[in-house]
Amino acid sequence: MFSTIAAPLTDALKGKCRKGVVHWTEDCEAFNSLKQALASKPVIHSPDYNRQFILETDASDNGIGVVLSQVTEDDKEHPIVYLSRKFSDVEKRYCVSEKECAAIIFGIQRLKYYLDGQAFTI
């Protein structure tokens, strides 16, 4: 999940490293992992508003991941949008079911311009 991979990198960029100096460590390898993940398949497709959307969500200890996809005429599921974010310190204390619900709410709110008036599956 993007937010889990990116967590060490975003912490470093927010100045949580000692005295603002970033030392390239194993945690900073998150940068290379993100580059690889963003450059690899599957390729994002354009939405078809005549087909049903699929909203897939996941939550980890550190954040939320969301994928909006559709099954196309080739009977394969293709991603349309990827979203993720880190949990706040308060959200990190949520129980598992609250984190999963937070992921669903985040996905629906952020993707309302795709989902309003459309059939979709969670």
PDB file of N, CA and C in Angstrom:
ATOM      1  N   MET A   1       0.837  -1.149   0.000  1.00  0.00           N
ATOM      2  CA  MET A   1       0.000   0.000   0.000  1.00  0.00           C
ATOM      3  C   MET A   1       0.904   1.242   0.000  1.00  0.00           C
ATOM      4  N   PHE A   2       0.519   2.222  -0.784  1.00  0.00           N
ATOM      5  CA  PHE A   2       1.319   3.424  -0.982  1.00  0.00           C
ATOM      6  C   PHE A   2       1.662   4.110   0.336  1.00  0.00           C
ATOM      7  N   SER A   3       0.654   4.331   1.185  1.00  0.00           N
ATOM      8  CA  SER A   3       0.914   5.083   2.422  1.00  0.00           C
ATOM      9  C   SER A   3       1.862   4.340   3.358  1.00  0.00           C
ATOM     10  N   THR A   4       1.804   3.022   3.354  1.00  0.00           N
ATOM     11  CA  THR A   4       2.715   2.238   4.194  1.00  0.00           C
ATOM     12  C   THR A   4       4.141   2.341   3.679  1.00  0.00           C
ATOM     13  N   ILE A   5       4.296   2.249   2.350  1.00  0.00           N
ATOM     14  CA  ILE A   5       5.625   2.359   1.747  1.00  0.00           C
ATOM     15  C   ILE A   5       6.177   3.767   1.943  1.00  0.00           C
ATOM     16  N   ALA A   6       5.300   4.771   1.818  1.00  0.00           N
ATOM     17  CA  ALA A   6       5.738   6.167   1.859  1.00  0.00           C
ATOM     18  C   ALA A   6       5.944   6.714   3.265  1.00  0.00           C
ATOM     19  N   ALA A   7       5.435   6.040   4.297  1.00  0.00           N
ATOM     20  CA  ALA A   7       5.484   6.577   5.663  1.00  0.00           C
ATOM     21  C   ALA A   7       6.877   7.029   6.092  1.00  0.00           C
ATOM     22  N   PRO A   8       7.933   6.222   5.927  1.00  0.00           N
ATOM     23  CA  PRO A   8       9.256   6.695   6.348  1.00  0.00           C
ATOM     24  C   PRO A   8       9.731   7.911   5.553  1.00  0.00           C
ATOM     25  N   LEU A   9       9.377   7.945   4.286  1.00  0.00           N
ATOM     26  CA  LEU A   9       9.790   9.063   3.444  1.00  0.00           C
ATOM     27  C   LEU A   9       9.065  10.343   3.842  1.00  0.00           C
ATOM     28  N   THR A  10       7.752  10.263   4.063  1.00  0.00           N
ATOM     29  CA  THR A  10       7.022  11.468   4.453  1.00  0.00           C
ATOM     30  C   THR A  10       7.462  11.969   5.821  1.00  0.00           C
ATOM     31  N   ASP A  11       7.791  11.067   6.726  1.00  0.00           N
ATOM     32  CA  ASP A  11       8.323  11.489   8.026  1.00  0.00           C
ATOM     33  C   ASP A  11       9.636  12.243   7.851  1.00  0.00           C
ATOM     34  N   ALA A  12      10.498  11.750   6.978  1.00  0.00           N
ATOM     35  CA  ALA A  12      11.783  12.411   6.728  1.00  0.00           C
ATOM     36  C   ALA A  12      11.574  13.791   6.115  1.00  0.00           C
ATOM     37  N   LEU A  13      10.623  13.904   5.194  1.00  0.00           N
ATOM     38  CA  LEU A  13      10.376  15.179   4.527  1.00  0.00           C
ATOM     39  C   LEU A  13       9.678  16.191   5.432  1.00  0.00           C
ATOM     40  N   LYS A  14       8.985  15.723   6.460  1.00  0.00           N
ATOM     41  CA  LYS A  14       8.318  16.629   7.397  1.00  0.00           C
ATOM     42  C   LYS A  14       9.254  17.110   8.496  1.00  0.00           C
ATOM     43  N   GLY A  15      10.520  16.770   8.394  1.00  0.00           N
ATOM     44  CA  GLY A  15      11.486  17.253   9.369  1.00  0.00           C
ATOM     45  C   GLY A  15      11.549  16.437  10.639  1.00  0.00           C
ATOM     46  N   LYS A  16      11.023  15.230  10.600  1.00  0.00           N
ATOM     47  CA  LYS A  16      11.086  14.387  11.795  1.00  0.00           C
ATOM     48  C   LYS A  16      12.450  13.727  11.935  1.00  0.00           C
ATOM     49  N   CYS A  17      13.324  14.007  10.986  1.00  0.00           N
ATOM     50  CA  CYS A  17      14.696  13.530  11.112  1.00  0.00           C
ATOM     51  C   CYS A  17      15.452  14.526  11.983  1.00  0.00           C
ATOM     52  N   ARG A  18      16.501  14.069  12.586  1.00  0.00           N
ATOM     53  CA  ARG A  18      17.272  14.903  13.500  1.00  0.00           C
ATOM     54  C   ARG A  18      17.843  16.131  12.797  1.00  0.00           C
ATOM     55  N   LYS A  19      17.524  17.318  13.309  1.00  0.00           N
ATOM     56  CA  LYS A  19      18.059  18.603  12.851  1.00  0.00           C
ATOM     57  C   LYS A  19      17.846  18.838  11.364  1.00  0.00           C
ATOM     58  N   GLY A  20      16.790  18.272  10.783  1.00  0.00           N
ATOM     59  CA  GLY A  20      16.455  18.531   9.391  1.00  0.00           C
ATOM     60  C   GLY A  20      17.380  17.890   8.380  1.00  0.00           C
ATOM     61  N   VAL A  21      18.312  17.080   8.837  1.00  0.00           N
ATOM     62  CA  VAL A  21      19.237  16.410   7.928  1.00  0.00           C
ATOM     63  C   VAL A  21      18.689  15.029   7.617  1.00  0.00           C
ATOM     64  N   VAL A  22      18.575  14.729   6.336  1.00  0.00           N
ATOM     65  CA  VAL A  22      18.080  13.416   5.932  1.00  0.00           C
ATOM     66  C   VAL A  22      19.272  12.517   5.656  1.00  0.00           C
ATOM     67  N   HIS A  23      19.381  11.454   6.418  1.00  0.00           N
ATOM     68  CA  HIS A  23      20.414  10.451   6.184  1.00  0.00           C
ATOM     69  C   HIS A  23      19.768   9.316   5.413  1.00  0.00           C
ATOM     70  N   TRP A  24      20.365   8.953   4.275  1.00  0.00           N
ATOM     71  CA  TRP A  24      19.790   7.910   3.434  1.00  0.00           C
ATOM     72  C   TRP A  24      19.962   6.572   4.133  1.00  0.00           C
ATOM     73  N   THR A  25      18.866   6.070   4.668  1.00  0.00           N
ATOM     74  CA  THR A  25      18.878   4.821   5.415  1.00  0.00           C
ATOM     75  C   THR A  25      18.012   3.798   4.705  1.00  0.00           C
ATOM     76  N   GLU A  26      17.892   2.650   5.334  1.00  0.00           N
ATOM     77  CA  GLU A  26      17.018   1.616   4.790  1.00  0.00           C
ATOM     78  C   GLU A  26      15.577   2.123   4.699  1.00  0.00           C
ATOM     79  N   ASP A  27      15.155   2.919   5.689  1.00  0.00           N
ATOM     80  CA  ASP A  27      13.805   3.487   5.651  1.00  0.00           C
ATOM     81  C   ASP A  27      13.610   4.408   4.454  1.00  0.00           C
ATOM     82  N   CYS A  28      14.656   5.124   4.081  1.00  0.00           N
ATOM     83  CA  CYS A  28      14.552   6.034   2.943  1.00  0.00           C
ATOM     84  C   CYS A  28      14.489   5.289   1.614  1.00  0.00           C
ATOM     85  N   GLU A  29      14.717   4.012   1.647  1.00  0.00           N
ATOM     86  CA  GLU A  29      14.536   3.204   0.439  1.00  0.00           C
ATOM     87  C   GLU A  29      13.078   3.231   0.000  1.00  0.00           C
ATOM     88  N   ALA A  30      12.199   3.768   0.855  1.00  0.00           N
ATOM     89  CA  ALA A  30      10.796   3.948   0.481  1.00  0.00           C
ATOM     90  C   ALA A  30      10.699   4.737  -0.816  1.00  0.00           C
ATOM     91  N   PHE A  31      11.600   5.693  -1.007  1.00  0.00           N
ATOM     92  CA  PHE A  31      11.601   6.492  -2.232  1.00  0.00           C
ATOM     93  C   PHE A  31      11.761   5.606  -3.460  1.00  0.00           C
ATOM     94  N   ASN A  32      12.735   4.707  -3.422  1.00  0.00           N
ATOM     95  CA  ASN A  32      12.945   3.812  -4.560  1.00  0.00           C
ATOM     96  C   ASN A  32      11.780   2.848  -4.738  1.00  0.00           C
ATOM     97  N   SER A  33      11.201   2.386  -3.645  1.00  0.00           N
ATOM     98  CA  SER A  33      10.043   1.493  -3.731  1.00  0.00           C
ATOM     99  C   SER A  33       8.857   2.200  -4.375  1.00  0.00           C
ATOM    100  N   LEU A  34       8.653   3.475  -4.008  1.00  0.00           N
ATOM    101  CA  LEU A  34       7.559   4.239  -4.609  1.00  0.00           C
ATOM    102  C   LEU A  34       7.781   4.453  -6.095  1.00  0.00           C
ATOM    103  N   LYS A  35       8.997   4.794  -6.471  1.00  0.00           N
ATOM    104  CA  LYS A  35       9.289   4.973  -7.899  1.00  0.00           C
ATOM    105  C   LYS A  35       8.956   3.715  -8.679  1.00  0.00           C
ATOM    106  N   GLN A  36       9.382   2.581  -8.154  1.00  0.00           N
ATOM    107  CA  GLN A  36       9.136   1.304  -8.831  1.00  0.00           C
ATOM    108  C   GLN A  36       7.643   1.001  -8.912  1.00  0.00           C
ATOM    109  N   ALA A  37       6.918   1.216  -7.811  1.00  0.00           N
ATOM    110  CA  ALA A  37       5.483   0.919  -7.785  1.00  0.00           C
ATOM    111  C   ALA A  37       4.705   1.807  -8.747  1.00  0.00           C
ATOM    112  N   LEU A  38       5.080   3.084  -8.821  1.00  0.00           N
ATOM    113  CA  LEU A  38       4.367   4.007  -9.698  1.00  0.00           C
ATOM    114  C   LEU A  38       4.691   3.792 -11.172  1.00  0.00           C
ATOM    115  N   ALA A  39       5.846   3.229 -11.454  1.00  0.00           N
ATOM    116  CA  ALA A  39       6.261   3.036 -12.842  1.00  0.00           C
ATOM    117  C   ALA A  39       5.846   1.681 -13.407  1.00  0.00           C
ATOM    118  N   SER A  40       5.294   0.803 -12.581  1.00  0.00           N
ATOM    119  CA  SER A  40       4.953  -0.535 -13.058  1.00  0.00           C
ATOM    120  C   SER A  40       3.456  -0.664 -13.339  1.00  0.00           C
ATOM    121  N   LYS A  41       3.106  -1.742 -14.012  1.00  0.00           N
ATOM    122  CA  LYS A  41       1.707  -2.007 -14.351  1.00  0.00           C
ATOM    123  C   LYS A  41       0.928  -2.314 -13.093  1.00  0.00           C
ATOM    124  N   PRO A  42      -0.358  -2.277 -13.044  1.00  0.00           N
ATOM    125  CA  PRO A  42      -1.292  -2.073 -14.139  1.00  0.00           C
ATOM    126  C   PRO A  42      -1.465  -0.596 -14.483  1.00  0.00           C
ATOM    127  N   VAL A  43      -1.783  -0.367 -15.739  1.00  0.00           N
ATOM    128  CA  VAL A  43      -1.958   0.988 -16.244  1.00  0.00           C
ATOM    129  C   VAL A  43      -3.375   1.462 -15.914  1.00  0.00           C
ATOM    130  N   ILE A  44      -3.496   2.715 -15.561  1.00  0.00           N
ATOM    131  CA  ILE A  44      -4.795   3.294 -15.220  1.00  0.00           C
ATOM    132  C   ILE A  44      -5.628   3.474 -16.487  1.00  0.00           C
ATOM    133  N   HIS A  45      -6.922   3.138 -16.388  1.00  0.00           N
ATOM    134  CA  HIS A  45      -7.862   3.268 -17.500  1.00  0.00           C
ATOM    135  C   HIS A  45      -8.812   4.430 -17.261  1.00  0.00           C
ATOM    136  N   SER A  46      -9.449   4.882 -18.330  1.00  0.00           N
ATOM    137  CA  SER A  46     -10.486   5.907 -18.218  1.00  0.00           C
ATOM    138  C   SER A  46     -11.783   5.262 -17.743  1.00  0.00           C
ATOM    139  N   PRO A  47     -12.595   5.990 -16.979  1.00  0.00           N
ATOM    140  CA  PRO A  47     -13.856   5.404 -16.506  1.00  0.00           C
ATOM    141  C   PRO A  47     -14.882   5.287 -17.626  1.00  0.00           C
ATOM    142  N   ASP A  48     -15.706   4.256 -17.544  1.00  0.00           N
ATOM    143  CA  ASP A  48     -16.847   4.063 -18.441  1.00  0.00           C
ATOM    144  C   ASP A  48     -18.085   4.177 -17.559  1.00  0.00           C
ATOM    145  N   TYR A  49     -18.822   5.267 -17.701  1.00  0.00           N
ATOM    146  CA  TYR A  49     -19.960   5.524 -16.816  1.00  0.00           C
ATOM    147  C   TYR A  49     -21.164   4.635 -17.112  1.00  0.00           C
ATOM    148  N   ASN A  50     -21.048   3.762 -18.112  1.00  0.00           N
ATOM    149  CA  ASN A  50     -22.091   2.777 -18.391  1.00  0.00           C
ATOM    150  C   ASN A  50     -21.815   1.454 -17.687  1.00  0.00           C
ATOM    151  N   ARG A  51     -20.693   1.347 -16.985  1.00  0.00           N
ATOM    152  CA  ARG A  51     -20.323   0.121 -16.271  1.00  0.00           C
ATOM    153  C   ARG A  51     -20.273   0.395 -14.768  1.00  0.00           C
ATOM    154  N   GLN A  52     -20.456  -0.663 -14.007  1.00  0.00           N
ATOM    155  CA  GLN A  52     -20.426  -0.542 -12.547  1.00  0.00           C
ATOM    156  C   GLN A  52     -18.993  -0.338 -12.056  1.00  0.00           C
ATOM    157  N   PHE A  53     -18.846   0.513 -11.050  1.00  0.00           N
ATOM    158  CA  PHE A  53     -17.551   0.750 -10.425  1.00  0.00           C
ATOM    159  C   PHE A  53     -17.328  -0.240  -9.285  1.00  0.00           C
ATOM    160  N   ILE A  54     -16.064  -0.520  -9.003  1.00  0.00           N
ATOM    161  CA  ILE A  54     -15.665  -1.360  -7.875  1.00  0.00           C
ATOM    162  C   ILE A  54     -14.746  -0.518  -6.994  1.00  0.00           C
ATOM    163  N   LEU A  55     -15.128  -0.357  -5.738  1.00  0.00           N
ATOM    164  CA  LEU A  55     -14.330   0.403  -4.778  1.00  0.00           C
ATOM    165  C   LEU A  55     -13.692  -0.587  -3.818  1.00  0.00           C
ATOM    166  N   GLU A  56     -12.375  -0.697  -3.875  1.00  0.00           N
ATOM    167  CA  GLU A  56     -11.642  -1.597  -2.984  1.00  0.00           C
ATOM    168  C   GLU A  56     -10.849  -0.747  -2.001  1.00  0.00           C
ATOM    169  N   THR A  57     -10.959  -1.076  -0.740  1.00  0.00           N
ATOM    170  CA  THR A  57     -10.264  -0.308   0.292  1.00  0.00           C
ATOM    171  C   THR A  57      -9.478  -1.247   1.196  1.00  0.00           C
ATOM    172  N   ASP A  58      -8.463  -0.686   1.821  1.00  0.00           N
ATOM    173  CA  ASP A  58      -7.688  -1.447   2.792  1.00  0.00           C
ATOM    174  C   ASP A  58      -7.094  -0.465   3.791  1.00  0.00           C
ATOM    175  N   ALA A  59      -6.951  -0.925   4.995  1.00  0.00           N
ATOM    176  CA  ALA A  59      -6.331  -0.113   6.038  1.00  0.00           C
ATOM    177  C   ALA A  59      -5.263  -0.944   6.729  1.00  0.00           C
ATOM    178  N   SER A  60      -4.160  -0.298   7.023  1.00  0.00           N
ATOM    179  CA  SER A  60      -3.081  -0.948   7.772  1.00  0.00           C
ATOM    180  C   SER A  60      -2.904  -0.185   9.080  1.00  0.00           C
ATOM    181  N   ASP A  61      -1.851  -0.474   9.800  1.00  0.00           N
ATOM    182  CA  ASP A  61      -1.569   0.273  11.027  1.00  0.00           C
ATOM    183  C   ASP A  61      -1.218   1.726  10.729  1.00  0.00           C
ATOM    184  N   ASN A  62      -0.676   1.978   9.525  1.00  0.00           N
ATOM    185  CA  ASN A  62      -0.173   3.310   9.197  1.00  0.00           C
ATOM    186  C   ASN A  62      -1.071   4.151   8.313  1.00  0.00           C
ATOM    187  N   GLY A  63      -1.958   3.536   7.518  1.00  0.00           N
ATOM    188  CA  GLY A  63      -2.729   4.342   6.588  1.00  0.00           C
ATOM    189  C   GLY A  63      -3.796   3.579   5.836  1.00  0.00           C
ATOM    190  N   ILE A  64      -4.310   4.266   4.818  1.00  0.00           N
ATOM    191  CA  ILE A  64      -5.439   3.803   4.018  1.00  0.00           C
ATOM    192  C   ILE A  64      -5.016   3.709   2.558  1.00  0.00           C
ATOM    193  N   GLY A  65      -5.527   2.689   1.875  1.00  0.00           N
ATOM    194  CA  GLY A  65      -5.353   2.565   0.435  1.00  0.00           C
ATOM    195  C   GLY A  65      -6.698   2.319  -0.213  1.00  0.00           C
ATOM    196  N   VAL A  66      -6.929   2.948  -1.368  1.00  0.00           N
ATOM    197  CA  VAL A  66      -8.196   2.824  -2.087  1.00  0.00           C
ATOM    198  C   VAL A  66      -7.892   2.640  -3.566  1.00  0.00           C
ATOM    199  N   VAL A  67      -8.643   1.739  -4.203  1.00  0.00           N
ATOM    200  CA  VAL A  67      -8.563   1.565  -5.653  1.00  0.00           C
ATOM    201  C   VAL A  67      -9.979   1.595  -6.198  1.00  0.00           C
ATOM    202  N   LEU A  68     -10.215   2.439  -7.195  1.00  0.00           N
ATOM    203  CA  LEU A  68     -11.474   2.436  -7.932  1.00  0.00           C
ATOM    204  C   LEU A  68     -11.193   1.765  -9.261  1.00  0.00           C
ATOM    205  N   SER A  69     -11.985   0.757  -9.595  1.00  0.00           N
ATOM    206  CA  SER A  69     -11.743   0.015 -10.833  1.00  0.00           C
ATOM    207  C   SER A  69     -13.060  -0.359 -11.486  1.00  0.00           C
ATOM    208  N   GLN A  70     -12.956  -0.937 -12.693  1.00  0.00           N
ATOM    209  CA  GLN A  70     -14.103  -1.448 -13.431  1.00  0.00           C
ATOM    210  C   GLN A  70     -13.687  -2.689 -14.196  1.00  0.00           C
ATOM    211  N   VAL A  71     -14.673  -3.565 -14.424  1.00  0.00           N
ATOM    212  CA  VAL A  71     -14.460  -4.706 -15.305  1.00  0.00           C
ATOM    213  C   VAL A  71     -14.852  -4.242 -16.703  1.00  0.00           C
ATOM    214  N   THR A  72     -13.948  -4.400 -17.654  1.00  0.00           N
ATOM    215  CA  THR A  72     -14.193  -3.931 -19.016  1.00  0.00           C
ATOM    216  C   THR A  72     -14.659  -5.075 -19.905  1.00  0.00           C
ATOM    217  N   GLU A  73     -14.825  -4.769 -21.187  1.00  0.00           N
ATOM    218  CA  GLU A  73     -15.343  -5.766 -22.128  1.00  0.00           C
ATOM    219  C   GLU A  73     -14.448  -6.993 -22.261  1.00  0.00           C
ATOM    220  N   ASP A  74     -13.196  -6.899 -21.881  1.00  0.00           N
ATOM    221  CA  ASP A  74     -12.305  -8.066 -21.925  1.00  0.00           C
ATOM    222  C   ASP A  74     -12.401  -8.907 -20.642  1.00  0.00           C
ATOM    223  N   ASP A  75     -13.402  -8.601 -19.785  1.00  0.00           N
ATOM    224  CA  ASP A  75     -13.648  -9.310 -18.522  1.00  0.00           C
ATOM    225  C   ASP A  75     -12.476  -9.241 -17.549  1.00  0.00           C
ATOM    226  N   LYS A  76     -11.684  -8.191 -17.656  1.00  0.00           N
ATOM    227  CA  LYS A  76     -10.588  -7.967 -16.721  1.00  0.00           C
ATOM    228  C   LYS A  76     -10.868  -6.699 -15.932  1.00  0.00           C
ATOM    229  N   GLU A  77     -10.459  -6.727 -14.681  1.00  0.00           N
ATOM    230  CA  GLU A  77     -10.623  -5.553 -13.833  1.00  0.00           C
ATOM    231  C   GLU A  77      -9.454  -4.603 -14.068  1.00  0.00           C
ATOM    232  N   HIS A  78      -9.787  -3.336 -14.353  1.00  0.00           N
ATOM    233  CA  HIS A  78      -8.760  -2.332 -14.629  1.00  0.00           C
ATOM    234  C   HIS A  78      -8.896  -1.167 -13.650  1.00  0.00           C
ATOM    235  N   PRO A  79      -7.792  -0.724 -13.054  1.00  0.00           N
ATOM    236  CA  PRO A  79      -7.845   0.404 -12.117  1.00  0.00           C
ATOM    237  C   PRO A  79      -8.108   1.719 -12.839  1.00  0.00           C
ATOM    238  N   ILE A  80      -8.820   2.589 -12.163  1.00  0.00           N
ATOM    239  CA  ILE A  80      -9.104   3.929 -12.679  1.00  0.00           C
ATOM    240  C   ILE A  80      -8.386   4.974 -11.830  1.00  0.00           C
ATOM    241  N   VAL A  81      -8.441   4.797 -10.513  1.00  0.00           N
ATOM    242  CA  VAL A  81      -7.833   5.753  -9.581  1.00  0.00           C
ATOM    243  C   VAL A  81      -7.237   4.994  -8.397  1.00  0.00           C
ATOM    244  N   TYR A  82      -6.078   5.441  -7.954  1.00  0.00           N
ATOM    245  CA  TYR A  82      -5.468   4.965  -6.708  1.00  0.00           C
ATOM    246  C   TYR A  82      -5.419   6.138  -5.735  1.00  0.00           C
ATOM    247  N   LEU A  83      -5.750   5.887  -4.485  1.00  0.00           N
ATOM    248  CA  LEU A  83      -5.645   6.905  -3.439  1.00  0.00           C
ATOM    249  C   LEU A  83      -5.007   6.289  -2.203  1.00  0.00           C
ATOM    250  N   SER A  84      -4.330   7.091  -1.436  1.00  0.00           N
ATOM    251  CA  SER A  84      -3.837   6.629  -0.140  1.00  0.00           C
ATOM    252  C   SER A  84      -3.522   7.835   0.730  1.00  0.00           C
ATOM    253  N   ARG A  85      -3.451   7.570   1.999  1.00  0.00           N
ATOM    254  CA  ARG A  85      -3.012   8.600   2.945  1.00  0.00           C
ATOM    255  C   ARG A  85      -2.573   7.927   4.229  1.00  0.00           C
ATOM    256  N   LYS A  86      -1.750   8.646   4.972  1.00  0.00           N
ATOM    257  CA  LYS A  86      -1.311   8.174   6.287  1.00  0.00           C
ATOM    258  C   LYS A  86      -2.388   8.478   7.316  1.00  0.00           C
ATOM    259  N   PHE A  87      -2.443   7.648   8.341  1.00  0.00           N
ATOM    260  CA  PHE A  87      -3.314   7.934   9.473  1.00  0.00           C
ATOM    261  C   PHE A  87      -2.678   9.004  10.346  1.00  0.00           C
ATOM    262  N   SER A  88      -3.531   9.817  10.965  1.00  0.00           N
ATOM    263  CA  SER A  88      -3.050  10.752  11.982  1.00  0.00           C
ATOM    264  C   SER A  88      -2.699   9.942  13.228  1.00  0.00           C
ATOM    265  N   ASP A  89      -2.055  10.583  14.182  1.00  0.00           N
ATOM    266  CA  ASP A  89      -1.707   9.888  15.428  1.00  0.00           C
ATOM    267  C   ASP A  89      -2.956   9.366  16.139  1.00  0.00           C
ATOM    268  N   VAL A  90      -4.040  10.135  16.095  1.00  0.00           N
ATOM    269  CA  VAL A  90      -5.294   9.697  16.722  1.00  0.00           C
ATOM    270  C   VAL A  90      -5.863   8.493  15.975  1.00  0.00           C
ATOM    271  N   GLU A  91      -5.887   8.556  14.640  1.00  0.00           N
ATOM    272  CA  GLU A  91      -6.444   7.461  13.840  1.00  0.00           C
ATOM    273  C   GLU A  91      -5.654   6.165  14.006  1.00  0.00           C
ATOM    274  N   LYS A  92      -4.376   6.275  14.280  1.00  0.00           N
ATOM    275  CA  LYS A  92      -3.561   5.071  14.488  1.00  0.00           C
ATOM    276  C   LYS A  92      -4.033   4.270  15.697  1.00  0.00           C
ATOM    277  N   ARG A  93      -4.757   4.921  16.604  1.00  0.00           N
ATOM    278  CA  ARG A  93      -5.263   4.234  17.798  1.00  0.00           C
ATOM    279  C   ARG A  93      -6.632   3.591  17.573  1.00  0.00           C
ATOM    280  N   TYR A  94      -7.218   3.775  16.382  1.00  0.00           N
ATOM    281  CA  TYR A  94      -8.505   3.142  16.076  1.00  0.00           C
ATOM    282  C   TYR A  94      -8.355   1.629  16.094  1.00  0.00           C
ATOM    283  N   CYS A  95      -9.447   0.928  16.382  1.00  0.00           N
ATOM    284  CA  CYS A  95      -9.435  -0.531  16.254  1.00  0.00           C
ATOM    285  C   CYS A  95      -9.496  -0.879  14.762  1.00  0.00           C
ATOM    286  N   VAL A  96      -9.277  -2.127  14.437  1.00  0.00           N
ATOM    287  CA  VAL A  96      -9.197  -2.562  13.038  1.00  0.00           C
ATOM    288  C   VAL A  96     -10.469  -2.219  12.266  1.00  0.00           C
ATOM    289  N   SER A  97     -11.638  -2.507  12.838  1.00  0.00           N
ATOM    290  CA  SER A  97     -12.891  -2.241  12.113  1.00  0.00           C
ATOM    291  C   SER A  97     -13.088  -0.742  11.870  1.00  0.00           C
ATOM    292  N   GLU A  98     -12.689   0.107  12.810  1.00  0.00           N
ATOM    293  CA  GLU A  98     -12.788   1.554  12.614  1.00  0.00           C
ATOM    294  C   GLU A  98     -11.847   2.022  11.510  1.00  0.00           C
ATOM    295  N   LYS A  99     -10.657   1.436  11.440  1.00  0.00           N
ATOM    296  CA  LYS A  99      -9.714   1.789  10.373  1.00  0.00           C
ATOM    297  C   LYS A  99     -10.271   1.388   9.012  1.00  0.00           C
ATOM    298  N   GLU A 100     -10.870   0.195   8.931  1.00  0.00           N
ATOM    299  CA  GLU A 100     -11.445  -0.262   7.661  1.00  0.00           C
ATOM    300  C   GLU A 100     -12.613   0.629   7.249  1.00  0.00           C
ATOM    301  N   CYS A 101     -13.461   1.015   8.201  1.00  0.00           N
ATOM    302  CA  CYS A 101     -14.572   1.924   7.900  1.00  0.00           C
ATOM    303  C   CYS A 101     -14.056   3.296   7.473  1.00  0.00           C
ATOM    304  N   ALA A 102     -12.997   3.760   8.106  1.00  0.00           N
ATOM    305  CA  ALA A 102     -12.394   5.040   7.728  1.00  0.00           C
ATOM    306  C   ALA A 102     -11.905   4.993   6.283  1.00  0.00           C
ATOM    307  N   ALA A 103     -11.386   3.840   5.859  1.00  0.00           N
ATOM    308  CA  ALA A 103     -10.925   3.685   4.477  1.00  0.00           C
ATOM    309  C   ALA A 103     -12.091   3.781   3.501  1.00  0.00           C
ATOM    310  N   ILE A 104     -13.218   3.153   3.833  1.00  0.00           N
ATOM    311  CA  ILE A 104     -14.400   3.214   2.964  1.00  0.00           C
ATOM    312  C   ILE A 104     -14.917   4.646   2.866  1.00  0.00           C
ATOM    313  N   ILE A 105     -15.038   5.313   4.009  1.00  0.00           N
ATOM    314  CA  ILE A 105     -15.518   6.701   4.018  1.00  0.00           C
ATOM    315  C   ILE A 105     -14.581   7.598   3.217  1.00  0.00           C
ATOM    316  N   PHE A 106     -13.280   7.448   3.425  1.00  0.00           N
ATOM    317  CA  PHE A 106     -12.287   8.232   2.684  1.00  0.00           C
ATOM    318  C   PHE A 106     -12.457   8.021   1.179  1.00  0.00           C
ATOM    319  N   GLY A 107     -12.599   6.756   0.759  1.00  0.00           N
ATOM    320  CA  GLY A 107     -12.745   6.451  -0.663  1.00  0.00           C
ATOM    321  C   GLY A 107     -13.995   7.063  -1.264  1.00  0.00           C
ATOM    322  N   ILE A 108     -15.122   6.918  -0.584  1.00  0.00           N
ATOM    323  CA  ILE A 108     -16.380   7.461  -1.105  1.00  0.00           C
ATOM    324  C   ILE A 108     -16.332   8.985  -1.162  1.00  0.00           C
ATOM    325  N   GLN A 109     -15.800   9.616  -0.126  1.00  0.00           N
ATOM    326  CA  GLN A 109     -15.726  11.081  -0.111  1.00  0.00           C
ATOM    327  C   GLN A 109     -14.806  11.616  -1.203  1.00  0.00           C
ATOM    328  N   ARG A 110     -13.640  11.012  -1.343  1.00  0.00           N
ATOM    329  CA  ARG A 110     -12.669  11.513  -2.320  1.00  0.00           C
ATOM    330  C   ARG A 110     -13.055  11.198  -3.764  1.00  0.00           C
ATOM    331  N   LEU A 111     -13.865  10.157  -3.962  1.00  0.00           N
ATOM    332  CA  LEU A 111     -14.230   9.735  -5.317  1.00  0.00           C
ATOM    333  C   LEU A 111     -15.684  10.032  -5.648  1.00  0.00           C
ATOM    334  N   LYS A 112     -16.292  10.958  -4.923  1.00  0.00           N
ATOM    335  CA  LYS A 112     -17.711  11.238  -5.134  1.00  0.00           C
ATOM    336  C   LYS A 112     -18.005  11.700  -6.560  1.00  0.00           C
ATOM    337  N   TYR A 113     -17.081  12.359  -7.211  1.00  0.00           N
ATOM    338  CA  TYR A 113     -17.306  12.806  -8.583  1.00  0.00           C
ATOM    339  C   TYR A 113     -17.386  11.636  -9.553  1.00  0.00           C
ATOM    340  N   TYR A 114     -16.862  10.468  -9.202  1.00  0.00           N
ATOM    341  CA  TYR A 114     -17.044   9.249  -9.993  1.00  0.00           C
ATOM    342  C   TYR A 114     -18.298   8.494  -9.553  1.00  0.00           C
ATOM    343  N   LEU A 115     -18.572   8.483  -8.258  1.00  0.00           N
ATOM    344  CA  LEU A 115     -19.564   7.572  -7.688  1.00  0.00           C
ATOM    345  C   LEU A 115     -20.971   8.143  -7.559  1.00  0.00           C
ATOM    346  N   ASP A 116     -21.126   9.470  -7.497  1.00  0.00           N
ATOM    347  CA  ASP A 116     -22.461  10.061  -7.356  1.00  0.00           C
ATOM    348  C   ASP A 116     -23.366   9.621  -8.498  1.00  0.00           C
ATOM    349  N   GLY A 117     -24.494   9.008  -8.141  1.00  0.00           N
ATOM    350  CA  GLY A 117     -25.470   8.579  -9.141  1.00  0.00           C
ATOM    351  C   GLY A 117     -25.093   7.319  -9.893  1.00  0.00           C
ATOM    352  N   GLN A 118     -23.996   6.678  -9.502  1.00  0.00           N
ATOM    353  CA  GLN A 118     -23.520   5.474 -10.186  1.00  0.00           C
ATOM    354  C   GLN A 118     -23.666   4.263  -9.271  1.00  0.00           C
ATOM    355  N   ALA A 119     -23.863   3.105  -9.896  1.00  0.00           N
ATOM    356  CA  ALA A 119     -23.846   1.854  -9.135  1.00  0.00           C
ATOM    357  C   ALA A 119     -22.391   1.497  -8.852  1.00  0.00           C
ATOM    358  N   PHE A 120     -22.114   1.084  -7.615  1.00  0.00           N
ATOM    359  CA  PHE A 120     -20.758   0.633  -7.304  1.00  0.00           C
ATOM    360  C   PHE A 120     -20.787  -0.412  -6.208  1.00  0.00           C
ATOM    361  N   THR A 121     -19.757  -1.236  -6.199  1.00  0.00           N
ATOM    362  CA  THR A 121     -19.604  -2.313  -5.227  1.00  0.00           C
ATOM    363  C   THR A 121     -18.421  -1.991  -4.338  1.00  0.00           C
ATOM    364  N   ILE A 122     -18.591  -2.235  -3.040  1.00  0.00           N
ATOM    365  CA  ILE A 122     -17.472  -2.053  -2.106  1.00  0.00           C
ATOM    366  C   ILE A 122     -16.910  -3.418  -1.788  1.00  0.00           C
TER     367      ILE A 122
END
